[in-house]
Amino acid sequence: MYAVETVDEALTVMTGVEAGEPGEDGRYPDDTVNRRVADRLDELSALRRKAARGGGANRANDKDAGPPPHDGDAEEKRS
């Protein structure tokens, strides 16, 4: 068990990767948890914008669409 004071400390302890502090430009250093999170949020935001423009209509052929949304326990509901 570890005592931590911040979420960033907990992330570092749990992952073994520095959480990272933003630089003067507001970006997190490469190879930090917070940079990975920020990069993924940027990707998801771009996908959302694409879908809002109608670019996500054909999910089967859209390699950037990711997996379809989870529908809870659909199999159990059908039983």
PDB file of N, CA and C in Angstrom:
ATOM      1  N   MET A   1       0.847  -1.158   0.000  1.00  0.00           N
ATOM      2  CA  MET A   1       0.000   0.000   0.000  1.00  0.00           C
ATOM      3  C   MET A   1       0.901   1.233   0.000  1.00  0.00           C
ATOM      4  N   TYR A   2       0.509   2.202  -0.811  1.00  0.00           N
ATOM      5  CA  TYR A   2       1.283   3.431  -0.913  1.00  0.00           C
ATOM      6  C   TYR A   2       0.409   4.616  -0.531  1.00  0.00           C
ATOM      7  N   ALA A   3       0.997   5.555   0.168  1.00  0.00           N
ATOM      8  CA  ALA A   3       0.301   6.800   0.468  1.00  0.00           C
ATOM      9  C   ALA A   3       0.700   7.810  -0.601  1.00  0.00           C
ATOM     10  N   VAL A   4      -0.298   8.395  -1.234  1.00  0.00           N
ATOM     11  CA  VAL A   4      -0.032   9.405  -2.255  1.00  0.00           C
ATOM     12  C   VAL A   4      -0.868  10.636  -1.956  1.00  0.00           C
ATOM     13  N   GLU A   5      -0.403  11.765  -2.439  1.00  0.00           N
ATOM     14  CA  GLU A   5      -1.125  13.012  -2.201  1.00  0.00           C
ATOM     15  C   GLU A   5      -1.913  13.472  -3.413  1.00  0.00           C
ATOM     16  N   THR A   6      -1.536  13.000  -4.605  1.00  0.00           N
ATOM     17  CA  THR A   6      -2.221  13.456  -5.816  1.00  0.00           C
ATOM     18  C   THR A   6      -2.515  12.273  -6.732  1.00  0.00           C
ATOM     19  N   VAL A   7      -3.426  12.487  -7.653  1.00  0.00           N
ATOM     20  CA  VAL A   7      -3.728  11.475  -8.662  1.00  0.00           C
ATOM     21  C   VAL A   7      -2.490  11.209  -9.503  1.00  0.00           C
ATOM     22  N   ASP A   8      -1.737  12.252  -9.831  1.00  0.00           N
ATOM     23  CA  ASP A   8      -0.521  12.064 -10.620  1.00  0.00           C
ATOM     24  C   ASP A   8       0.474  11.153  -9.902  1.00  0.00           C
ATOM     25  N   GLU A   9       0.602  11.304  -8.598  1.00  0.00           N
ATOM     26  CA  GLU A   9       1.484  10.405  -7.840  1.00  0.00           C
ATOM     27  C   GLU A   9       0.979   8.972  -7.925  1.00  0.00           C
ATOM     28  N   ALA A  10      -0.329   8.787  -7.802  1.00  0.00           N
ATOM     29  CA  ALA A  10      -0.908   7.446  -7.882  1.00  0.00           C
ATOM     30  C   ALA A  10      -0.668   6.841  -9.263  1.00  0.00           C
ATOM     31  N   LEU A  11      -0.834   7.639 -10.311  1.00  0.00           N
ATOM     32  CA  LEU A  11      -0.583   7.147 -11.670  1.00  0.00           C
ATOM     33  C   LEU A  11       0.855   6.679 -11.829  1.00  0.00           C
ATOM     34  N   THR A  12       1.785   7.449 -11.303  1.00  0.00           N
ATOM     35  CA  THR A  12       3.198   7.087 -11.402  1.00  0.00           C
ATOM     36  C   THR A  12       3.478   5.795 -10.650  1.00  0.00           C
ATOM     37  N   VAL A  13       2.920   5.660  -9.456  1.00  0.00           N
ATOM     38  CA  VAL A  13       3.129   4.447  -8.661  1.00  0.00           C
ATOM     39  C   VAL A  13       2.519   3.238  -9.370  1.00  0.00           C
ATOM     40  N   MET A  14       1.308   3.392  -9.904  1.00  0.00           N
ATOM     41  CA  MET A  14       0.615   2.255 -10.511  1.00  0.00           C
ATOM     42  C   MET A  14       1.192   1.852 -11.861  1.00  0.00           C
ATOM     43  N   THR A  15       1.692   2.814 -12.630  1.00  0.00           N
ATOM     44  CA  THR A  15       2.155   2.505 -13.986  1.00  0.00           C
ATOM     45  C   THR A  15       3.659   2.385 -14.103  1.00  0.00           C
ATOM     46  N   GLY A  16       4.391   2.988 -13.171  1.00  0.00           N
ATOM     47  CA  GLY A  16       5.843   3.012 -13.293  1.00  0.00           C
ATOM     48  C   GLY A  16       6.320   4.030 -14.309  1.00  0.00           C
ATOM     49  N   VAL A  17       5.401   4.857 -14.796  1.00  0.00           N
ATOM     50  CA  VAL A  17       5.711   5.900 -15.780  1.00  0.00           C
ATOM     51  C   VAL A  17       5.378   7.243 -15.141  1.00  0.00           C
ATOM     52  N   GLU A  18       6.268   8.217 -15.301  1.00  0.00           N
ATOM     53  CA  GLU A  18       6.013   9.544 -14.738  1.00  0.00           C
ATOM     54  C   GLU A  18       4.704  10.111 -15.281  1.00  0.00           C
ATOM     55  N   ALA A  19       3.936  10.777 -14.422  1.00  0.00           N
ATOM     56  CA  ALA A  19       2.687  11.394 -14.853  1.00  0.00           C
ATOM     57  C   ALA A  19       2.980  12.577 -15.769  1.00  0.00           C
ATOM     58  N   GLY A  20       3.943  13.400 -15.401  1.00  0.00           N
ATOM     59  CA  GLY A  20       4.341  14.530 -16.232  1.00  0.00           C
ATOM     60  C   GLY A  20       3.640  15.819 -15.871  1.00  0.00           C
ATOM     61  N   GLU A  21       4.373  16.893 -15.984  1.00  0.00           N
ATOM     62  CA  GLU A  21       3.856  18.243 -15.752  1.00  0.00           C
ATOM     63  C   GLU A  21       3.875  18.987 -17.078  1.00  0.00           C
ATOM     64  N   PRO A  22       2.872  19.825 -17.335  1.00  0.00           N
ATOM     65  CA  PRO A  22       2.870  20.557 -18.602  1.00  0.00           C
ATOM     66  C   PRO A  22       4.021  21.558 -18.666  1.00  0.00           C
ATOM     67  N   GLY A  23       4.571  21.708 -19.864  1.00  0.00           N
ATOM     68  CA  GLY A  23       5.631  22.683 -20.082  1.00  0.00           C
ATOM     69  C   GLY A  23       5.046  24.063 -20.296  1.00  0.00           C
ATOM     70  N   GLU A  24       5.891  25.024 -20.622  1.00  0.00           N
ATOM     71  CA  GLU A  24       5.433  26.393 -20.852  1.00  0.00           C
ATOM     72  C   GLU A  24       4.441  26.472 -22.001  1.00  0.00           C
ATOM     73  N   ASP A  25       4.562  25.539 -22.960  1.00  0.00           N
ATOM     74  CA  ASP A  25       3.652  25.523 -24.105  1.00  0.00           C
ATOM     75  C   ASP A  25       2.342  24.799 -23.801  1.00  0.00           C
ATOM     76  N   GLY A  26       2.209  24.279 -22.562  1.00  0.00           N
ATOM     77  CA  GLY A  26       0.992  23.591 -22.159  1.00  0.00           C
ATOM     78  C   GLY A  26       0.969  22.117 -22.507  1.00  0.00           C
ATOM     79  N   ARG A  27       2.003  21.636 -23.193  1.00  0.00           N
ATOM     80  CA  ARG A  27       2.065  20.225 -23.575  1.00  0.00           C
ATOM     81  C   ARG A  27       2.868  19.437 -22.547  1.00  0.00           C
ATOM     82  N   TYR A  28       2.467  18.183 -22.379  1.00  0.00           N
ATOM     83  CA  TYR A  28       3.185  17.300 -21.465  1.00  0.00           C
ATOM     84  C   TYR A  28       4.381  16.696 -22.190  1.00  0.00           C
ATOM     85  N   PRO A  29       5.435  16.378 -21.452  1.00  0.00           N
ATOM     86  CA  PRO A  29       6.609  15.753 -22.072  1.00  0.00           C
ATOM     87  C   PRO A  29       6.261  14.392 -22.679  1.00  0.00           C
ATOM     88  N   ASP A  30       6.989  14.032 -23.739  1.00  0.00           N
ATOM     89  CA  ASP A  30       6.836  12.703 -24.332  1.00  0.00           C
ATOM     90  C   ASP A  30       7.085  11.645 -23.265  1.00  0.00           C
ATOM     91  N   ASP A  31       6.534  10.479 -23.478  1.00  0.00           N
ATOM     92  CA  ASP A  31       6.739   9.327 -22.585  1.00  0.00           C
ATOM     93  C   ASP A  31       6.245   9.565 -21.161  1.00  0.00           C
ATOM     94  N   THR A  32       5.154  10.321 -21.016  1.00  0.00           N
ATOM     95  CA  THR A  32       4.512  10.488 -19.714  1.00  0.00           C
ATOM     96  C   THR A  32       3.056  10.045 -19.834  1.00  0.00           C
ATOM     97  N   VAL A  33       2.471   9.661 -18.713  1.00  0.00           N
ATOM     98  CA  VAL A  33       1.075   9.230 -18.709  1.00  0.00           C
ATOM     99  C   VAL A  33       0.172  10.356 -19.196  1.00  0.00           C
ATOM    100  N   ASN A  34       0.381  11.553 -18.685  1.00  0.00           N
ATOM    101  CA  ASN A  34      -0.488  12.660 -19.064  1.00  0.00           C
ATOM    102  C   ASN A  34      -0.377  12.991 -20.549  1.00  0.00           C
ATOM    103  N   ARG A  35       0.789  12.805 -21.154  1.00  0.00           N
ATOM    104  CA  ARG A  35       0.932  13.029 -22.599  1.00  0.00           C
ATOM    105  C   ARG A  35       0.133  11.990 -23.367  1.00  0.00           C
ATOM    106  N   ARG A  36       0.215  10.740 -22.924  1.00  0.00           N
ATOM    107  CA  ARG A  36      -0.558   9.686 -23.584  1.00  0.00           C
ATOM    108  C   ARG A  36      -2.055   9.970 -23.488  1.00  0.00           C
ATOM    109  N   VAL A  37      -2.487  10.418 -22.325  1.00  0.00           N
ATOM    110  CA  VAL A  37      -3.903  10.751 -22.137  1.00  0.00           C
ATOM    111  C   VAL A  37      -4.288  11.916 -23.045  1.00  0.00           C
ATOM    112  N   ALA A  38      -3.482  12.966 -23.068  1.00  0.00           N
ATOM    113  CA  ALA A  38      -3.779  14.133 -23.901  1.00  0.00           C
ATOM    114  C   ALA A  38      -3.819  13.755 -25.377  1.00  0.00           C
ATOM    115  N   ASP A  39      -2.874  12.926 -25.817  1.00  0.00           N
ATOM    116  CA  ASP A  39      -2.854  12.497 -27.217  1.00  0.00           C
ATOM    117  C   ASP A  39      -4.104  11.697 -27.560  1.00  0.00           C
ATOM    118  N   ARG A  40      -4.513  10.810 -26.662  1.00  0.00           N
ATOM    119  CA  ARG A  40      -5.711  10.002 -26.925  1.00  0.00           C
ATOM    120  C   ARG A  40      -6.963  10.865 -26.934  1.00  0.00           C
ATOM    121  N   LEU A  41      -7.039  11.841 -26.046  1.00  0.00           N
ATOM    122  CA  LEU A  41      -8.181  12.755 -26.051  1.00  0.00           C
ATOM    123  C   LEU A  41      -8.232  13.547 -27.350  1.00  0.00           C
ATOM    124  N   ASP A  42      -7.070  13.951 -27.873  1.00  0.00           N
ATOM    125  CA  ASP A  42      -7.018  14.638 -29.167  1.00  0.00           C
ATOM    126  C   ASP A  42      -7.560  13.738 -30.274  1.00  0.00           C
ATOM    127  N   GLU A  43      -7.169  12.450 -30.259  1.00  0.00           N
ATOM    128  CA  GLU A  43      -7.652  11.499 -31.264  1.00  0.00           C
ATOM    129  C   GLU A  43      -9.168  11.345 -31.182  1.00  0.00           C
ATOM    130  N   LEU A  44      -9.678  11.174 -29.972  1.00  0.00           N
ATOM    131  CA  LEU A  44     -11.117  11.002 -29.796  1.00  0.00           C
ATOM    132  C   LEU A  44     -11.880  12.252 -30.206  1.00  0.00           C
ATOM    133  N   SER A  45     -11.323  13.409 -29.915  1.00  0.00           N
ATOM    134  CA  SER A  45     -11.956  14.663 -30.304  1.00  0.00           C
ATOM    135  C   SER A  45     -12.028  14.783 -31.824  1.00  0.00           C
ATOM    136  N   ALA A  46     -10.951  14.388 -32.505  1.00  0.00           N
ATOM    137  CA  ALA A  46     -10.939  14.430 -33.971  1.00  0.00           C
ATOM    138  C   ALA A  46     -11.987  13.472 -34.538  1.00  0.00           C
ATOM    139  N   LEU A  47     -12.118  12.294 -33.948  1.00  0.00           N
ATOM    140  CA  LEU A  47     -13.138  11.346 -34.400  1.00  0.00           C
ATOM    141  C   LEU A  47     -14.541  11.895 -34.180  1.00  0.00           C
ATOM    142  N   ARG A  48     -14.748  12.555 -33.052  1.00  0.00           N
ATOM    143  CA  ARG A  48     -16.062  13.140 -32.775  1.00  0.00           C
ATOM    144  C   ARG A  48     -16.397  14.214 -33.794  1.00  0.00           C
ATOM    145  N   ARG A  49     -15.407  15.067 -34.097  1.00  0.00           N
ATOM    146  CA  ARG A  49     -15.636  16.117 -35.097  1.00  0.00           C
ATOM    147  C   ARG A  49     -15.938  15.508 -36.460  1.00  0.00           C
ATOM    148  N   LYS A  50     -15.220  14.451 -36.811  1.00  0.00           N
ATOM    149  CA  LYS A  50     -15.438  13.777 -38.089  1.00  0.00           C
ATOM    150  C   LYS A  50     -16.854  13.207 -38.149  1.00  0.00           C
ATOM    151  N   ALA A  51     -17.291  12.571 -37.075  1.00  0.00           N
ATOM    152  CA  ALA A  51     -18.635  12.006 -37.031  1.00  0.00           C
ATOM    153  C   ALA A  51     -19.694  13.099 -37.099  1.00  0.00           C
ATOM    154  N   ALA A  52     -19.442  14.233 -36.454  1.00  0.00           N
ATOM    155  CA  ALA A  52     -20.397  15.338 -36.468  1.00  0.00           C
ATOM    156  C   ALA A  52     -20.560  15.914 -37.868  1.00  0.00           C
ATOM    157  N   ARG A  53     -19.504  15.813 -38.675  1.00  0.00           N
ATOM    158  CA  ARG A  53     -19.570  16.295 -40.062  1.00  0.00           C
ATOM    159  C   ARG A  53     -20.183  15.248 -40.986  1.00  0.00           C
ATOM    160  N   GLY A  54     -20.531  14.087 -40.431  1.00  0.00           N
ATOM    161  CA  GLY A  54     -21.103  13.027 -41.249  1.00  0.00           C
ATOM    162  C   GLY A  54     -20.069  12.057 -41.765  1.00  0.00           C
ATOM    163  N   GLY A  55     -18.829  12.192 -41.325  1.00  0.00           N
ATOM    164  CA  GLY A  55     -17.767  11.324 -41.814  1.00  0.00           C
ATOM    165  C   GLY A  55     -17.732   9.966 -41.170  1.00  0.00           C
ATOM    166  N   GLY A  56     -18.558   9.723 -40.185  1.00  0.00           N
ATOM    167  CA  GLY A  56     -18.521   8.434 -39.503  1.00  0.00           C
ATOM    168  C   GLY A  56     -19.708   7.559 -39.832  1.00  0.00           C
ATOM    169  N   ALA A  57     -20.402   7.845 -40.940  1.00  0.00           N
ATOM    170  CA  ALA A  57     -21.624   7.121 -41.274  1.00  0.00           C
ATOM    171  C   ALA A  57     -21.376   5.655 -41.600  1.00  0.00           C
ATOM    172  N   ASN A  58     -20.240   5.334 -42.183  1.00  0.00           N
ATOM    173  CA  ASN A  58     -19.961   3.959 -42.590  1.00  0.00           C
ATOM    174  C   ASN A  58     -18.914   3.357 -41.667  1.00  0.00           C
ATOM    175  N   ARG A  59     -19.324   2.957 -40.493  1.00  0.00           N
ATOM    176  CA  ARG A  59     -18.398   2.455 -39.478  1.00  0.00           C
ATOM    177  C   ARG A  59     -17.639   1.219 -39.931  1.00  0.00           C
ATOM    178  N   ALA A  60     -18.256   0.352 -40.727  1.00  0.00           N
ATOM    179  CA  ALA A  60     -17.602  -0.896 -41.127  1.00  0.00           C
ATOM    180  C   ALA A  60     -16.335  -0.631 -41.928  1.00  0.00           C
ATOM    181  N   ASN A  61     -16.297   0.464 -42.660  1.00  0.00           N
ATOM    182  CA  ASN A  61     -15.137   0.778 -43.494  1.00  0.00           C
ATOM    183  C   ASN A  61     -14.278   1.892 -42.921  1.00  0.00           C
ATOM    184  N   ASP A  62     -14.574   2.342 -41.729  1.00  0.00           N
ATOM    185  CA  ASP A  62     -13.851   3.454 -41.121  1.00  0.00           C
ATOM    186  C   ASP A  62     -12.849   2.910 -40.113  1.00  0.00           C
ATOM    187  N   LYS A  63     -11.576   2.782 -40.530  1.00  0.00           N
ATOM    188  CA  LYS A  63     -10.563   2.181 -39.663  1.00  0.00           C
ATOM    189  C   LYS A  63     -10.309   3.008 -38.411  1.00  0.00           C
ATOM    190  N   ASP A  64     -10.656   4.298 -38.418  1.00  0.00           N
ATOM    191  CA  ASP A  64     -10.438   5.156 -37.257  1.00  0.00           C
ATOM    192  C   ASP A  64     -11.613   5.143 -36.287  1.00  0.00           C
ATOM    193  N   ALA A  65     -12.670   4.437 -36.632  1.00  0.00           N
ATOM    194  CA  ALA A  65     -13.882   4.495 -35.819  1.00  0.00           C
ATOM    195  C   ALA A  65     -13.743   3.764 -34.494  1.00  0.00           C
ATOM    196  N   GLY A  66     -12.838   2.809 -34.407  1.00  0.00           N
ATOM    197  CA  GLY A  66     -12.696   2.042 -33.181  1.00  0.00           C
ATOM    198  C   GLY A  66     -13.806   1.026 -33.056  1.00  0.00           C
ATOM    199  N   PRO A  67     -13.869   0.331 -31.945  1.00  0.00           N
ATOM    200  CA  PRO A  67     -14.898  -0.698 -31.783  1.00  0.00           C
ATOM    201  C   PRO A  67     -16.272  -0.068 -31.648  1.00  0.00           C
ATOM    202  N   PRO A  68     -17.316  -0.821 -32.008  1.00  0.00           N
ATOM    203  CA  PRO A  68     -18.660  -0.275 -31.834  1.00  0.00           C
ATOM    204  C   PRO A  68     -18.944  -0.064 -30.358  1.00  0.00           C
ATOM    205  N   PRO A  69     -19.867   0.827 -30.030  1.00  0.00           N
ATOM    206  CA  PRO A  69     -20.175   1.078 -28.621  1.00  0.00           C
ATOM    207  C   PRO A  69     -20.697  -0.183 -27.948  1.00  0.00           C
ATOM    208  N   HIS A  70     -20.383  -0.324 -26.666  1.00  0.00           N
ATOM    209  CA  HIS A  70     -20.823  -1.474 -25.881  1.00  0.00           C
ATOM    210  C   HIS A  70     -22.301  -1.318 -25.574  1.00  0.00           C
ATOM    211  N   ASP A  71     -23.061  -2.379 -25.802  1.00  0.00           N
ATOM    212  CA  ASP A  71     -24.507  -2.329 -25.596  1.00  0.00           C
ATOM    213  C   ASP A  71     -24.898  -3.054 -24.313  1.00  0.00           C
ATOM    214  N   GLY A  72     -24.147  -2.805 -23.262  1.00  0.00           N
ATOM    215  CA  GLY A  72     -24.459  -3.459 -21.992  1.00  0.00           C
ATOM    216  C   GLY A  72     -24.334  -4.961 -22.123  1.00  0.00           C
ATOM    217  N   ASP A  73     -25.220  -5.674 -21.536  1.00  0.00           N
ATOM    218  CA  ASP A  73     -25.225  -7.133 -21.611  1.00  0.00           C
ATOM    219  C   ASP A  73     -26.316  -7.570 -22.575  1.00  0.00           C
ATOM    220  N   ALA A  74     -26.169  -7.209 -23.848  1.00  0.00           N
ATOM    221  CA  ALA A  74     -27.191  -7.469 -24.853  1.00  0.00           C
ATOM    222  C   ALA A  74     -27.524  -8.948 -24.952  1.00  0.00           C
ATOM    223  N   GLU A  75     -26.521  -9.811 -24.865  1.00  0.00           N
ATOM    224  CA  GLU A  75     -26.771 -11.248 -24.956  1.00  0.00           C
ATOM    225  C   GLU A  75     -27.662 -11.717 -23.812  1.00  0.00           C
ATOM    226  N   GLU A  76     -27.388 -11.232 -22.605  1.00  0.00           N
ATOM    227  CA  GLU A  76     -28.188 -11.638 -21.454  1.00  0.00           C
ATOM    228  C   GLU A  76     -29.607 -11.106 -21.563  1.00  0.00           C
ATOM    229  N   LYS A  77     -29.780  -9.910 -22.129  1.00  0.00           N
ATOM    230  CA  LYS A  77     -31.104  -9.319 -22.261  1.00  0.00           C
ATOM    231  C   LYS A  77     -31.970 -10.124 -23.224  1.00  0.00           C
ATOM    232  N   ARG A  78     -31.332 -10.727 -24.245  1.00  0.00           N
ATOM    233  CA  ARG A  78     -32.078 -11.496 -25.235  1.00  0.00           C
ATOM    234  C   ARG A  78     -32.505 -12.848 -24.696  1.00  0.00           C
ATOM    235  N   SER A  79     -31.831 -13.331 -23.675  1.00  0.00           N
ATOM    236  CA  SER A  79     -32.120 -14.677 -23.149  1.00  0.00           C
ATOM    237  C   SER A  79     -33.409 -14.717 -22.380  1.00  0.00           C
TER     238      SER A  79
END
